[in-house]
Amino acid sequence: MPGTNRVVFVVDDEDVIAQTLAIILNQAGFQAIAFDHPEKAIAARAGLTPALLISDVMMPGMTGVELAIHFRKAQPECKVLLFSGQASTADLLEKARAEGYDFDLLSKPIHPANLLAKLGV
């Protein structure tokens, strides 16, 4: 990740996944913060400016794609990495692409080495 801002928001409705990914990223030198609801990440963005959003796609209330679009509209320079264990996410990603948003997608379960490699660590 270019620059000095290494703040990462990790969002997953399964708190243990969000917390685990945040621990892995923190150990790699990032300032990762875990959230178990997309709305909490949106609220936290008012006080912090993340360089990266990592989010599960399928969550109750708001999908990770919707969250990613929200972040991109508010902060266009924020990078986005989505992950999902469900095949149905392809439709959500295709709809986002049609609206001009293209996001990287990793499959669940995410191996820590694959995540760090994707981030260039």
PDB file of N, CA and C in Angstrom:
ATOM      1  N   MET A   1       0.847  -1.184   0.000  1.00  0.00           N
ATOM      2  CA  MET A   1       0.000   0.000   0.000  1.00  0.00           C
ATOM      3  C   MET A   1       0.885   1.237   0.000  1.00  0.00           C
ATOM      4  N   PRO A   2       0.740   2.097  -0.987  1.00  0.00           N
ATOM      5  CA  PRO A   2       1.582   3.277  -1.060  1.00  0.00           C
ATOM      6  C   PRO A   2       1.260   4.270   0.043  1.00  0.00           C
ATOM      7  N   GLY A   3       2.228   5.100   0.366  1.00  0.00           N
ATOM      8  CA  GLY A   3       2.009   6.129   1.384  1.00  0.00           C
ATOM      9  C   GLY A   3       2.157   5.591   2.788  1.00  0.00           C
ATOM     10  N   THR A   4       1.874   6.448   3.743  1.00  0.00           N
ATOM     11  CA  THR A   4       2.071   6.069   5.134  1.00  0.00           C
ATOM     12  C   THR A   4       0.788   5.644   5.827  1.00  0.00           C
ATOM     13  N   ASN A   5      -0.363   5.862   5.206  1.00  0.00           N
ATOM     14  CA  ASN A   5      -1.625   5.491   5.836  1.00  0.00           C
ATOM     15  C   ASN A   5      -1.834   3.991   5.693  1.00  0.00           C
ATOM     16  N   ARG A   6      -1.701   3.287   6.796  1.00  0.00           N
ATOM     17  CA  ARG A   6      -1.863   1.842   6.770  1.00  0.00           C
ATOM     18  C   ARG A   6      -3.081   1.428   7.597  1.00  0.00           C
ATOM     19  N   VAL A   7      -4.040   2.350   7.730  1.00  0.00           N
ATOM     20  CA  VAL A   7      -5.269   2.042   8.455  1.00  0.00           C
ATOM     21  C   VAL A   7      -6.148   1.167   7.570  1.00  0.00           C
ATOM     22  N   VAL A   8      -6.585   0.043   8.136  1.00  0.00           N
ATOM     23  CA  VAL A   8      -7.418  -0.915   7.412  1.00  0.00           C
ATOM     24  C   VAL A   8      -8.672  -1.182   8.235  1.00  0.00           C
ATOM     25  N   PHE A   9      -9.828  -1.092   7.606  1.00  0.00           N
ATOM     26  CA  PHE A   9     -11.085  -1.493   8.226  1.00  0.00           C
ATOM     27  C   PHE A   9     -11.404  -2.900   7.731  1.00  0.00           C
ATOM     28  N   VAL A  10     -11.672  -3.806   8.671  1.00  0.00           N
ATOM     29  CA  VAL A  10     -12.048  -5.181   8.352  1.00  0.00           C
ATOM     30  C   VAL A  10     -13.482  -5.378   8.826  1.00  0.00           C
ATOM     31  N   VAL A  11     -14.372  -5.736   7.912  1.00  0.00           N
ATOM     32  CA  VAL A  11     -15.794  -5.843   8.246  1.00  0.00           C
ATOM     33  C   VAL A  11     -16.309  -7.238   7.895  1.00  0.00           C
ATOM     34  N   ASP A  12     -16.865  -7.904   8.905  1.00  0.00           N
ATOM     35  CA  ASP A  12     -17.505  -9.206   8.705  1.00  0.00           C
ATOM     36  C   ASP A  12     -18.523  -9.377   9.811  1.00  0.00           C
ATOM     37  N   ASP A  13     -19.736  -9.836   9.448  1.00  0.00           N
ATOM     38  CA  ASP A  13     -20.755 -10.030  10.467  1.00  0.00           C
ATOM     39  C   ASP A  13     -20.400 -11.169  11.418  1.00  0.00           C
ATOM     40  N   GLU A  14     -19.444 -12.000  11.042  1.00  0.00           N
ATOM     41  CA  GLU A  14     -18.908 -13.008  11.962  1.00  0.00           C
ATOM     42  C   GLU A  14     -17.707 -12.368  12.645  1.00  0.00           C
ATOM     43  N   ASP A  15     -17.927 -11.903  13.871  1.00  0.00           N
ATOM     44  CA  ASP A  15     -16.917 -11.116  14.591  1.00  0.00           C
ATOM     45  C   ASP A  15     -15.577 -11.832  14.691  1.00  0.00           C
ATOM     46  N   VAL A  16     -15.597 -13.151  14.879  1.00  0.00           N
ATOM     47  CA  VAL A  16     -14.336 -13.882  15.014  1.00  0.00           C
ATOM     48  C   VAL A  16     -13.502 -13.775  13.734  1.00  0.00           C
ATOM     49  N   ILE A  17     -14.137 -13.740  12.580  1.00  0.00           N
ATOM     50  CA  ILE A  17     -13.411 -13.595  11.321  1.00  0.00           C
ATOM     51  C   ILE A  17     -12.818 -12.189  11.218  1.00  0.00           C
ATOM     52  N   ALA A  18     -13.626 -11.187  11.515  1.00  0.00           N
ATOM     53  CA  ALA A  18     -13.129  -9.812  11.461  1.00  0.00           C
ATOM     54  C   ALA A  18     -11.966  -9.613  12.427  1.00  0.00           C
ATOM     55  N   GLN A  19     -12.108 -10.124  13.651  1.00  0.00           N
ATOM     56  CA  GLN A  19     -11.049  -9.978  14.658  1.00  0.00           C
ATOM     57  C   GLN A  19      -9.781 -10.710  14.246  1.00  0.00           C
ATOM     58  N   THR A  20      -9.924 -11.919  13.705  1.00  0.00           N
ATOM     59  CA  THR A  20      -8.765 -12.715  13.294  1.00  0.00           C
ATOM     60  C   THR A  20      -8.006 -12.033  12.161  1.00  0.00           C
ATOM     61  N   LEU A  21      -8.736 -11.553  11.153  1.00  0.00           N
ATOM     62  CA  LEU A  21      -8.077 -10.853  10.051  1.00  0.00           C
ATOM     63  C   LEU A  21      -7.381  -9.589  10.541  1.00  0.00           C
ATOM     64  N   ALA A  22      -8.004  -8.871  11.465  1.00  0.00           N
ATOM     65  CA  ALA A  22      -7.388  -7.662  12.013  1.00  0.00           C
ATOM     66  C   ALA A  22      -6.093  -7.995  12.755  1.00  0.00           C
ATOM     67  N   ILE A  23      -6.087  -9.080  13.505  1.00  0.00           N
ATOM     68  CA  ILE A  23      -4.874  -9.508  14.219  1.00  0.00           C
ATOM     69  C   ILE A  23      -3.760  -9.808  13.224  1.00  0.00           C
ATOM     70  N   ILE A  24      -4.088 -10.559  12.174  1.00  0.00           N
ATOM     71  CA  ILE A  24      -3.101 -10.903  11.148  1.00  0.00           C
ATOM     72  C   ILE A  24      -2.526  -9.635  10.521  1.00  0.00           C
ATOM     73  N   LEU A  25      -3.384  -8.692  10.185  1.00  0.00           N
ATOM     74  CA  LEU A  25      -2.934  -7.451   9.556  1.00  0.00           C
ATOM     75  C   LEU A  25      -2.120  -6.594  10.521  1.00  0.00           C
ATOM     76  N   ASN A  26      -2.536  -6.540  11.776  1.00  0.00           N
ATOM     77  CA  ASN A  26      -1.780  -5.777  12.770  1.00  0.00           C
ATOM     78  C   ASN A  26      -0.382  -6.350  12.942  1.00  0.00           C
ATOM     79  N   GLN A  27      -0.275  -7.667  12.941  1.00  0.00           N
ATOM     80  CA  GLN A  27       1.035  -8.303  13.064  1.00  0.00           C
ATOM     81  C   GLN A  27       1.909  -8.031  11.843  1.00  0.00           C
ATOM     82  N   ALA A  28       1.287  -7.714  10.711  1.00  0.00           N
ATOM     83  CA  ALA A  28       2.025  -7.404   9.489  1.00  0.00           C
ATOM     84  C   ALA A  28       2.351  -5.909   9.379  1.00  0.00           C
ATOM     85  N   GLY A  29       1.986  -5.141  10.396  1.00  0.00           N
ATOM     86  CA  GLY A  29       2.345  -3.728  10.414  1.00  0.00           C
ATOM     87  C   GLY A  29       1.244  -2.751  10.057  1.00  0.00           C
ATOM     88  N   PHE A  30       0.055  -3.252   9.808  1.00  0.00           N
ATOM     89  CA  PHE A  30      -1.073  -2.371   9.521  1.00  0.00           C
ATOM     90  C   PHE A  30      -1.727  -1.935  10.830  1.00  0.00           C
ATOM     91  N   GLN A  31      -2.542  -0.902  10.758  1.00  0.00           N
ATOM     92  CA  GLN A  31      -3.398  -0.518  11.878  1.00  0.00           C
ATOM     93  C   GLN A  31      -4.804  -0.971  11.500  1.00  0.00           C
ATOM     94  N   ALA A  32      -5.090  -2.243  11.781  1.00  0.00           N
ATOM     95  CA  ALA A  32      -6.362  -2.837  11.370  1.00  0.00           C
ATOM     96  C   ALA A  32      -7.379  -2.766  12.492  1.00  0.00           C
ATOM     97  N   ILE A  33      -8.592  -2.423  12.121  1.00  0.00           N
ATOM     98  CA  ILE A  33      -9.688  -2.315  13.074  1.00  0.00           C
ATOM     99  C   ILE A  33     -10.823  -3.201  12.579  1.00  0.00           C
ATOM    100  N   ALA A  34     -11.315  -4.065  13.460  1.00  0.00           N
ATOM    101  CA  ALA A  34     -12.380  -5.008  13.103  1.00  0.00           C
ATOM    102  C   ALA A  34     -13.752  -4.428  13.442  1.00  0.00           C
ATOM    103  N   PHE A  35     -14.705  -4.696  12.553  1.00  0.00           N
ATOM    104  CA  PHE A  35     -16.098  -4.287  12.758  1.00  0.00           C
ATOM    105  C   PHE A  35     -16.999  -5.467  12.437  1.00  0.00           C
ATOM    106  N   ASP A  36     -18.048  -5.659  13.258  1.00  0.00           N
ATOM    107  CA  ASP A  36     -18.977  -6.754  13.005  1.00  0.00           C
ATOM    108  C   ASP A  36     -20.267  -6.282  12.327  1.00  0.00           C
ATOM    109  N   HIS A  37     -20.351  -4.994  12.019  1.00  0.00           N
ATOM    110  CA  HIS A  37     -21.496  -4.435  11.292  1.00  0.00           C
ATOM    111  C   HIS A  37     -21.003  -3.350  10.344  1.00  0.00           C
ATOM    112  N   PRO A  38     -21.486  -3.329   9.112  1.00  0.00           N
ATOM    113  CA  PRO A  38     -21.073  -2.285   8.173  1.00  0.00           C
ATOM    114  C   PRO A  38     -21.329  -0.868   8.700  1.00  0.00           C
ATOM    115  N   GLU A  39     -22.433  -0.684   9.398  1.00  0.00           N
ATOM    116  CA  GLU A  39     -22.778   0.639   9.910  1.00  0.00           C
ATOM    117  C   GLU A  39     -21.732   1.151  10.898  1.00  0.00           C
ATOM    118  N   LYS A  40     -21.117   0.246  11.662  1.00  0.00           N
ATOM    119  CA  LYS A  40     -20.062   0.650  12.604  1.00  0.00           C
ATOM    120  C   LYS A  40     -18.834   1.150  11.847  1.00  0.00           C
ATOM    121  N   ALA A  41     -18.511   0.523  10.734  1.00  0.00           N
ATOM    122  CA  ALA A  41     -17.372   0.974   9.923  1.00  0.00           C
ATOM    123  C   ALA A  41     -17.662   2.346   9.318  1.00  0.00           C
ATOM    124  N   ILE A  42     -18.891   2.555   8.873  1.00  0.00           N
ATOM    125  CA  ILE A  42     -19.270   3.854   8.312  1.00  0.00           C
ATOM    126  C   ILE A  42     -19.137   4.935   9.380  1.00  0.00           C
ATOM    127  N   ALA A  43     -19.616   4.663  10.576  1.00  0.00           N
ATOM    128  CA  ALA A  43     -19.524   5.638  11.670  1.00  0.00           C
ATOM    129  C   ALA A  43     -18.068   5.933  12.030  1.00  0.00           C
ATOM    130  N   ALA A  44     -17.217   4.912  12.031  1.00  0.00           N
ATOM    131  CA  ALA A  44     -15.810   5.091  12.411  1.00  0.00           C
ATOM    132  C   ALA A  44     -15.045   5.894  11.360  1.00  0.00           C
ATOM    133  N   ARG A  45     -15.491   5.840  10.116  1.00  0.00           N
ATOM    134  CA  ARG A  45     -14.812   6.562   9.044  1.00  0.00           C
ATOM    135  C   ARG A  45     -14.831   8.065   9.274  1.00  0.00           C
ATOM    136  N   ALA A  46     -15.771   8.550  10.076  1.00  0.00           N
ATOM    137  CA  ALA A  46     -15.827   9.980  10.384  1.00  0.00           C
ATOM    138  C   ALA A  46     -14.594  10.430  11.161  1.00  0.00           C
ATOM    139  N   GLY A  47     -13.991   9.521  11.945  1.00  0.00           N
ATOM    140  CA  GLY A  47     -12.828   9.878  12.749  1.00  0.00           C
ATOM    141  C   GLY A  47     -11.510   9.367  12.196  1.00  0.00           C
ATOM    142  N   LEU A  48     -11.562   8.377  11.324  1.00  0.00           N
ATOM    143  CA  LEU A  48     -10.366   7.782  10.732  1.00  0.00           C
ATOM    144  C   LEU A  48     -10.521   7.738   9.220  1.00  0.00           C
ATOM    145  N   THR A  49      -9.413   7.774   8.530  1.00  0.00           N
ATOM    146  CA  THR A  49      -9.451   7.676   7.075  1.00  0.00           C
ATOM    147  C   THR A  49      -8.698   6.420   6.673  1.00  0.00           C
ATOM    148  N   PRO A  50      -9.413   5.318   6.462  1.00  0.00           N
ATOM    149  CA  PRO A  50      -8.717   4.085   6.095  1.00  0.00           C
ATOM    150  C   PRO A  50      -8.175   4.135   4.676  1.00  0.00           C
ATOM    151  N   ALA A  51      -7.034   3.490   4.499  1.00  0.00           N
ATOM    152  CA  ALA A  51      -6.459   3.349   3.165  1.00  0.00           C
ATOM    153  C   ALA A  51      -7.059   2.142   2.457  1.00  0.00           C
ATOM    154  N   LEU A  52      -7.617   1.221   3.268  1.00  0.00           N
ATOM    155  CA  LEU A  52      -8.134  -0.026   2.720  1.00  0.00           C
ATOM    156  C   LEU A  52      -9.356  -0.482   3.509  1.00  0.00           C
ATOM    157  N   LEU A  53     -10.352  -0.950   2.778  1.00  0.00           N
ATOM    158  CA  LEU A  53     -11.530  -1.597   3.353  1.00  0.00           C
ATOM    159  C   LEU A  53     -11.506  -3.047   2.896  1.00  0.00           C
ATOM    160  N   ILE A  54     -11.544  -3.966   3.856  1.00  0.00           N
ATOM    161  CA  ILE A  54     -11.673  -5.387   3.561  1.00  0.00           C
ATOM    162  C   ILE A  54     -13.013  -5.817   4.145  1.00  0.00           C
ATOM    163  N   SER A  55     -13.880  -6.355   3.308  1.00  0.00           N
ATOM    164  CA  SER A  55     -15.230  -6.670   3.783  1.00  0.00           C
ATOM    165  C   SER A  55     -15.767  -7.965   3.195  1.00  0.00           C
ATOM    166  N   ASP A  56     -16.509  -8.670   4.037  1.00  0.00           N
ATOM    167  CA  ASP A  56     -17.299  -9.797   3.563  1.00  0.00           C
ATOM    168  C   ASP A  56     -18.376  -9.227   2.643  1.00  0.00           C
ATOM    169  N   VAL A  57     -18.822 -10.005   1.698  1.00  0.00           N
ATOM    170  CA  VAL A  57     -19.853  -9.531   0.782  1.00  0.00           C
ATOM    171  C   VAL A  57     -21.244  -9.735   1.380  1.00  0.00           C
ATOM    172  N   MET A  58     -21.528 -10.950   1.843  1.00  0.00           N
ATOM    173  CA  MET A  58     -22.876 -11.266   2.302  1.00  0.00           C
ATOM    174  C   MET A  58     -23.002 -11.012   3.805  1.00  0.00           C
ATOM    175  N   MET A  59     -23.698  -9.920   4.140  1.00  0.00           N
ATOM    176  CA  MET A  59     -23.951  -9.561   5.535  1.00  0.00           C
ATOM    177  C   MET A  59     -25.385  -9.068   5.643  1.00  0.00           C
ATOM    178  N   PRO A  60     -25.998  -9.245   6.802  1.00  0.00           N
ATOM    179  CA  PRO A  60     -27.372  -8.751   6.970  1.00  0.00           C
ATOM    180  C   PRO A  60     -27.406  -7.225   7.008  1.00  0.00           C
ATOM    181  N   GLY A  61     -28.439  -6.667   6.420  1.00  0.00           N
ATOM    182  CA  GLY A  61     -28.635  -5.222   6.465  1.00  0.00           C
ATOM    183  C   GLY A  61     -27.990  -4.489   5.300  1.00  0.00           C
ATOM    184  N   MET A  62     -26.710  -4.712   5.084  1.00  0.00           N
ATOM    185  CA  MET A  62     -25.970  -4.051   4.022  1.00  0.00           C
ATOM    186  C   MET A  62     -24.926  -5.017   3.492  1.00  0.00           C
ATOM    187  N   THR A  63     -24.858  -5.196   2.196  1.00  0.00           N
ATOM    188  CA  THR A  63     -23.844  -6.094   1.641  1.00  0.00           C
ATOM    189  C   THR A  63     -22.487  -5.396   1.642  1.00  0.00           C
ATOM    190  N   GLY A  64     -21.447  -6.191   1.517  1.00  0.00           N
ATOM    191  CA  GLY A  64     -20.114  -5.631   1.410  1.00  0.00           C
ATOM    192  C   GLY A  64     -19.939  -4.790   0.160  1.00  0.00           C
ATOM    193  N   VAL A  65     -20.651  -5.149  -0.906  1.00  0.00           N
ATOM    194  CA  VAL A  65     -20.600  -4.359  -2.140  1.00  0.00           C
ATOM    195  C   VAL A  65     -21.204  -2.981  -1.889  1.00  0.00           C
ATOM    196  N   GLU A  66     -22.338  -2.930  -1.214  1.00  0.00           N
ATOM    197  CA  GLU A  66     -22.963  -1.644  -0.885  1.00  0.00           C
ATOM    198  C   GLU A  66     -22.044  -0.811   0.008  1.00  0.00           C
ATOM    199  N   LEU A  67     -21.410  -1.468   0.972  1.00  0.00           N
ATOM    200  CA  LEU A  67     -20.470  -0.784   1.863  1.00  0.00           C
ATOM    201  C   LEU A  67     -19.290  -0.243   1.061  1.00  0.00           C
ATOM    202  N   ALA A  68     -18.763  -1.048   0.156  1.00  0.00           N
ATOM    203  CA  ALA A  68     -17.629  -0.630  -0.666  1.00  0.00           C
ATOM    204  C   ALA A  68     -17.986   0.581  -1.525  1.00  0.00           C
ATOM    205  N   ILE A  69     -19.158   0.565  -2.108  1.00  0.00           N
ATOM    206  CA  ILE A  69     -19.598   1.706  -2.923  1.00  0.00           C
ATOM    207  C   ILE A  69     -19.729   2.952  -2.046  1.00  0.00           C
ATOM    208  N   HIS A  70     -20.291   2.787  -0.852  1.00  0.00           N
ATOM    209  CA  HIS A  70     -20.404   3.911   0.086  1.00  0.00           C
ATOM    210  C   HIS A  70     -19.017   4.506   0.375  1.00  0.00           C
ATOM    211  N   PHE A  71     -18.038   3.643   0.657  1.00  0.00           N
ATOM    212  CA  PHE A  71     -16.687   4.120   0.953  1.00  0.00           C
ATOM    213  C   PHE A  71     -16.073   4.807  -0.261  1.00  0.00           C
ATOM    214  N   ARG A  72     -16.243   4.224  -1.437  1.00  0.00           N
ATOM    215  CA  ARG A  72     -15.660   4.810  -2.649  1.00  0.00           C
ATOM    216  C   ARG A  72     -16.259   6.183  -2.958  1.00  0.00           C
ATOM    217  N   LYS A  73     -17.560   6.338  -2.722  1.00  0.00           N
ATOM    218  CA  LYS A  73     -18.191   7.637  -2.956  1.00  0.00           C
ATOM    219  C   LYS A  73     -17.656   8.683  -1.982  1.00  0.00           C
ATOM    220  N   ALA A  74     -17.491   8.298  -0.719  1.00  0.00           N
ATOM    221  CA  ALA A  74     -17.033   9.227   0.308  1.00  0.00           C
ATOM    222  C   ALA A  74     -15.526   9.443   0.264  1.00  0.00           C
ATOM    223  N   GLN A  75     -14.801   8.425  -0.157  1.00  0.00           N
ATOM    224  CA  GLN A  75     -13.345   8.455  -0.120  1.00  0.00           C
ATOM    225  C   GLN A  75     -12.802   7.672  -1.324  1.00  0.00           C
ATOM    226  N   PRO A  76     -12.768   8.281  -2.496  1.00  0.00           N
ATOM    227  CA  PRO A  76     -12.409   7.576  -3.728  1.00  0.00           C
ATOM    228  C   PRO A  76     -11.047   6.888  -3.704  1.00  0.00           C
ATOM    229  N   GLU A  77     -10.107   7.381  -2.905  1.00  0.00           N
ATOM    230  CA  GLU A  77      -8.769   6.792  -2.866  1.00  0.00           C
ATOM    231  C   GLU A  77      -8.678   5.538  -1.990  1.00  0.00           C
ATOM    232  N   CYS A  78      -9.736   5.212  -1.261  1.00  0.00           N
ATOM    233  CA  CYS A  78      -9.741   4.021  -0.406  1.00  0.00           C
ATOM    234  C   CYS A  78      -9.784   2.766  -1.278  1.00  0.00           C
ATOM    235  N   LYS A  79      -8.820   1.905  -1.076  1.00  0.00           N
ATOM    236  CA  LYS A  79      -8.804   0.635  -1.804  1.00  0.00           C
ATOM    237  C   LYS A  79      -9.810  -0.312  -1.148  1.00  0.00           C
ATOM    238  N   VAL A  80     -10.342  -1.242  -1.929  1.00  0.00           N
ATOM    239  CA  VAL A  80     -11.363  -2.166  -1.445  1.00  0.00           C
ATOM    240  C   VAL A  80     -10.986  -3.585  -1.831  1.00  0.00           C
ATOM    241  N   LEU A  81     -11.107  -4.483  -0.873  1.00  0.00           N
ATOM    242  CA  LEU A  81     -10.916  -5.907  -1.108  1.00  0.00           C
ATOM    243  C   LEU A  81     -12.097  -6.630  -0.468  1.00  0.00           C
ATOM    244  N   LEU A  82     -12.852  -7.344  -1.275  1.00  0.00           N
ATOM    245  CA  LEU A  82     -14.019  -8.079  -0.785  1.00  0.00           C
ATOM    246  C   LEU A  82     -13.695  -9.563  -0.713  1.00  0.00           C
ATOM    247  N   PHE A  83     -14.381 -10.260   0.195  1.00  0.00           N
ATOM    248  CA  PHE A  83     -14.239 -11.706   0.262  1.00  0.00           C
ATOM    249  C   PHE A  83     -15.591 -12.331   0.517  1.00  0.00           C
ATOM    250  N   SER A  84     -15.741 -13.568   0.010  1.00  0.00           N
ATOM    251  CA  SER A  84     -17.025 -14.243   0.153  1.00  0.00           C
ATOM    252  C   SER A  84     -16.853 -15.740  -0.007  1.00  0.00           C
ATOM    253  N   GLY A  85     -17.722 -16.458   0.644  1.00  0.00           N
ATOM    254  CA  GLY A  85     -17.745 -17.904   0.511  1.00  0.00           C
ATOM    255  C   GLY A  85     -18.950 -18.370  -0.291  1.00  0.00           C
ATOM    256  N   GLN A  86     -19.678 -17.431  -0.898  1.00  0.00           N
ATOM    257  CA  GLN A  86     -20.909 -17.772  -1.601  1.00  0.00           C
ATOM    258  C   GLN A  86     -20.812 -17.406  -3.079  1.00  0.00           C
ATOM    259  N   ALA A  87     -21.285 -18.279  -3.908  1.00  0.00           N
ATOM    260  CA  ALA A  87     -21.262 -18.057  -5.349  1.00  0.00           C
ATOM    261  C   ALA A  87     -22.215 -16.938  -5.772  1.00  0.00           C
ATOM    262  N   SER A  88     -23.228 -16.668  -4.976  1.00  0.00           N
ATOM    263  CA  SER A  88     -24.234 -15.667  -5.347  1.00  0.00           C
ATOM    264  C   SER A  88     -23.679 -14.249  -5.376  1.00  0.00           C
ATOM    265  N   THR A  89     -22.459 -14.058  -4.931  1.00  0.00           N
ATOM    266  CA  THR A  89     -21.886 -12.719  -4.928  1.00  0.00           C
ATOM    267  C   THR A  89     -21.578 -12.217  -6.334  1.00  0.00           C
ATOM    268  N   ALA A  90     -21.469 -13.102  -7.296  1.00  0.00           N
ATOM    269  CA  ALA A  90     -21.140 -12.698  -8.666  1.00  0.00           C
ATOM    270  C   ALA A  90     -22.151 -11.689  -9.199  1.00  0.00           C
ATOM    271  N   ASP A  91     -23.430 -11.891  -8.906  1.00  0.00           N
ATOM    272  CA  ASP A  91     -24.458 -10.961  -9.371  1.00  0.00           C
ATOM    273  C   ASP A  91     -24.268  -9.574  -8.762  1.00  0.00           C
ATOM    274  N   LEU A  92     -23.944  -9.530  -7.463  1.00  0.00           N
ATOM    275  CA  LEU A  92     -23.725  -8.244  -6.796  1.00  0.00           C
ATOM    276  C   LEU A  92     -22.526  -7.517  -7.392  1.00  0.00           C
ATOM    277  N   LEU A  93     -21.466  -8.256  -7.657  1.00  0.00           N
ATOM    278  CA  LEU A  93     -20.266  -7.650  -8.234  1.00  0.00           C
ATOM    279  C   LEU A  93     -20.515  -7.169  -9.658  1.00  0.00           C
ATOM    280  N   GLU A  94     -21.279  -7.933 -10.416  1.00  0.00           N
ATOM    281  CA  GLU A  94     -21.594  -7.541 -11.788  1.00  0.00           C
ATOM    282  C   GLU A  94     -22.425  -6.260 -11.810  1.00  0.00           C
ATOM    283  N   LYS A  95     -23.375  -6.150 -10.895  1.00  0.00           N
ATOM    284  CA  LYS A  95     -24.191  -4.937 -10.796  1.00  0.00           C
ATOM    285  C   LYS A  95     -23.310  -3.735 -10.445  1.00  0.00           C
ATOM    286  N   ALA A  96     -22.366  -3.924  -9.509  1.00  0.00           N
ATOM    287  CA  ALA A  96     -21.454  -2.840  -9.137  1.00  0.00           C
ATOM    288  C   ALA A  96     -20.597  -2.428 -10.332  1.00  0.00           C
ATOM    289  N   ARG A  97     -20.118  -3.405 -11.101  1.00  0.00           N
ATOM    290  CA  ARG A  97     -19.303  -3.098 -12.287  1.00  0.00           C
ATOM    291  C   ARG A  97     -20.108  -2.276 -13.294  1.00  0.00           C
ATOM    292  N   ALA A  98     -21.387  -2.610 -13.441  1.00  0.00           N
ATOM    293  CA  ALA A  98     -22.249  -1.867 -14.357  1.00  0.00           C
ATOM    294  C   ALA A  98     -22.410  -0.414 -13.914  1.00  0.00           C
ATOM    295  N   GLU A  99     -22.249  -0.167 -12.607  1.00  0.00           N
ATOM    296  CA  GLU A  99     -22.345   1.197 -12.068  1.00  0.00           C
ATOM    297  C   GLU A  99     -20.980   1.887 -12.031  1.00  0.00           C
ATOM    298  N   GLY A 100     -19.936   1.196 -12.529  1.00  0.00           N
ATOM    299  CA  GLY A 100     -18.611   1.801 -12.591  1.00  0.00           C
ATOM    300  C   GLY A 100     -17.686   1.465 -11.440  1.00  0.00           C
ATOM    301  N   TYR A 101     -18.049   0.478 -10.632  1.00  0.00           N
ATOM    302  CA  TYR A 101     -17.228   0.076  -9.481  1.00  0.00           C
ATOM    303  C   TYR A 101     -16.693  -1.330  -9.719  1.00  0.00           C
ATOM    304  N   ASP A 102     -15.377  -1.460  -9.657  1.00  0.00           N
ATOM    305  CA  ASP A 102     -14.750  -2.756  -9.857  1.00  0.00           C
ATOM    306  C   ASP A 102     -13.943  -3.098  -8.611  1.00  0.00           C
ATOM    307  N   PHE A 103     -14.298  -4.186  -7.951  1.00  0.00           N
ATOM    308  CA  PHE A 103     -13.650  -4.569  -6.701  1.00  0.00           C
ATOM    309  C   PHE A 103     -13.000  -5.934  -6.828  1.00  0.00           C
ATOM    310  N   ASP A 104     -11.847  -6.095  -6.153  1.00  0.00           N
ATOM    311  CA  ASP A 104     -11.189  -7.400  -6.084  1.00  0.00           C
ATOM    312  C   ASP A 104     -11.967  -8.298  -5.135  1.00  0.00           C
ATOM    313  N   LEU A 105     -11.979  -9.593  -5.429  1.00  0.00           N
ATOM    314  CA  LEU A 105     -12.704 -10.557  -4.608  1.00  0.00           C
ATOM    315  C   LEU A 105     -11.804 -11.744  -4.291  1.00  0.00           C
ATOM    316  N   LEU A 106     -11.726 -12.083  -3.006  1.00  0.00           N
ATOM    317  CA  LEU A 106     -11.049 -13.289  -2.550  1.00  0.00           C
ATOM    318  C   LEU A 106     -12.099 -14.260  -2.038  1.00  0.00           C
ATOM    319  N   SER A 107     -11.835 -15.546  -2.178  1.00  0.00           N
ATOM    320  CA  SER A 107     -12.770 -16.567  -1.695  1.00  0.00           C
ATOM    321  C   SER A 107     -12.486 -16.909  -0.242  1.00  0.00           C
ATOM    322  N   LYS A 108     -13.571 -17.150   0.501  1.00  0.00           N
ATOM    323  CA  LYS A 108     -13.455 -17.650   1.876  1.00  0.00           C
ATOM    324  C   LYS A 108     -13.279 -19.155   1.814  1.00  0.00           C
ATOM    325  N   PRO A 109     -12.576 -19.756   2.702  1.00  0.00           N
ATOM    326  CA  PRO A 109     -11.786 -19.106   3.759  1.00  0.00           C
ATOM    327  C   PRO A 109     -10.520 -18.489   3.177  1.00  0.00           C
ATOM    328  N   ILE A 110     -10.114 -17.380   3.766  1.00  0.00           N
ATOM    329  CA  ILE A 110      -8.934 -16.664   3.306  1.00  0.00           C
ATOM    330  C   ILE A 110      -7.724 -17.174   4.070  1.00  0.00           C
ATOM    331  N   HIS A 111      -6.738 -17.645   3.350  1.00  0.00           N
ATOM    332  CA  HIS A 111      -5.491 -18.041   3.990  1.00  0.00           C
ATOM    333  C   HIS A 111      -4.699 -16.765   4.265  1.00  0.00           C
ATOM    334  N   PRO A 112      -4.154 -16.608   5.470  1.00  0.00           N
ATOM    335  CA  PRO A 112      -3.415 -15.392   5.807  1.00  0.00           C
ATOM    336  C   PRO A 112      -2.313 -15.042   4.794  1.00  0.00           C
ATOM    337  N   ALA A 113      -1.600 -16.047   4.299  1.00  0.00           N
ATOM    338  CA  ALA A 113      -0.536 -15.782   3.325  1.00  0.00           C
ATOM    339  C   ALA A 113      -1.103 -15.202   2.033  1.00  0.00           C
ATOM    340  N   ASN A 114      -2.270 -15.683   1.605  1.00  0.00           N
ATOM    341  CA  ASN A 114      -2.903 -15.155   0.387  1.00  0.00           C
ATOM    342  C   ASN A 114      -3.354 -13.704   0.578  1.00  0.00           C
ATOM    343  N   LEU A 115      -3.902 -13.420   1.758  1.00  0.00           N
ATOM    344  CA  LEU A 115      -4.328 -12.057   2.048  1.00  0.00           C
ATOM    345  C   LEU A 115      -3.133 -11.112   2.031  1.00  0.00           C
ATOM    346  N   LEU A 116      -2.075 -11.472   2.733  1.00  0.00           N
ATOM    347  CA  LEU A 116      -0.899 -10.612   2.799  1.00  0.00           C
ATOM    348  C   LEU A 116      -0.236 -10.464   1.425  1.00  0.00           C
ATOM    349  N   ALA A 117      -0.241 -11.535   0.650  1.00  0.00           N
ATOM    350  CA  ALA A 117       0.324 -11.456  -0.697  1.00  0.00           C
ATOM    351  C   ALA A 117      -0.496 -10.487  -1.560  1.00  0.00           C
ATOM    352  N   LYS A 118      -1.811 -10.533  -1.427  1.00  0.00           N
ATOM    353  CA  LYS A 118      -2.689  -9.646  -2.181  1.00  0.00           C
ATOM    354  C   LYS A 118      -2.410  -8.185  -1.819  1.00  0.00           C
ATOM    355  N   LEU A 119      -2.012  -7.958  -0.548  1.00  0.00           N
ATOM    356  CA  LEU A 119      -1.733  -6.594  -0.091  1.00  0.00           C
ATOM    357  C   LEU A 119      -0.284  -6.192  -0.327  1.00  0.00           C
ATOM    358  N   GLY A 120       0.497  -7.105  -0.890  1.00  0.00           N
ATOM    359  CA  GLY A 120       1.883  -6.794  -1.194  1.00  0.00           C
ATOM    360  C   GLY A 120       2.816  -6.845  -0.004  1.00  0.00           C
ATOM    361  N   VAL A 121       2.440  -7.631   1.003  1.00  0.00           N
ATOM    362  CA  VAL A 121       3.267  -7.741   2.218  1.00  0.00           C
ATOM    363  C   VAL A 121       4.128  -8.983   2.131  1.00  0.00           C
TER     364      VAL A 121
END
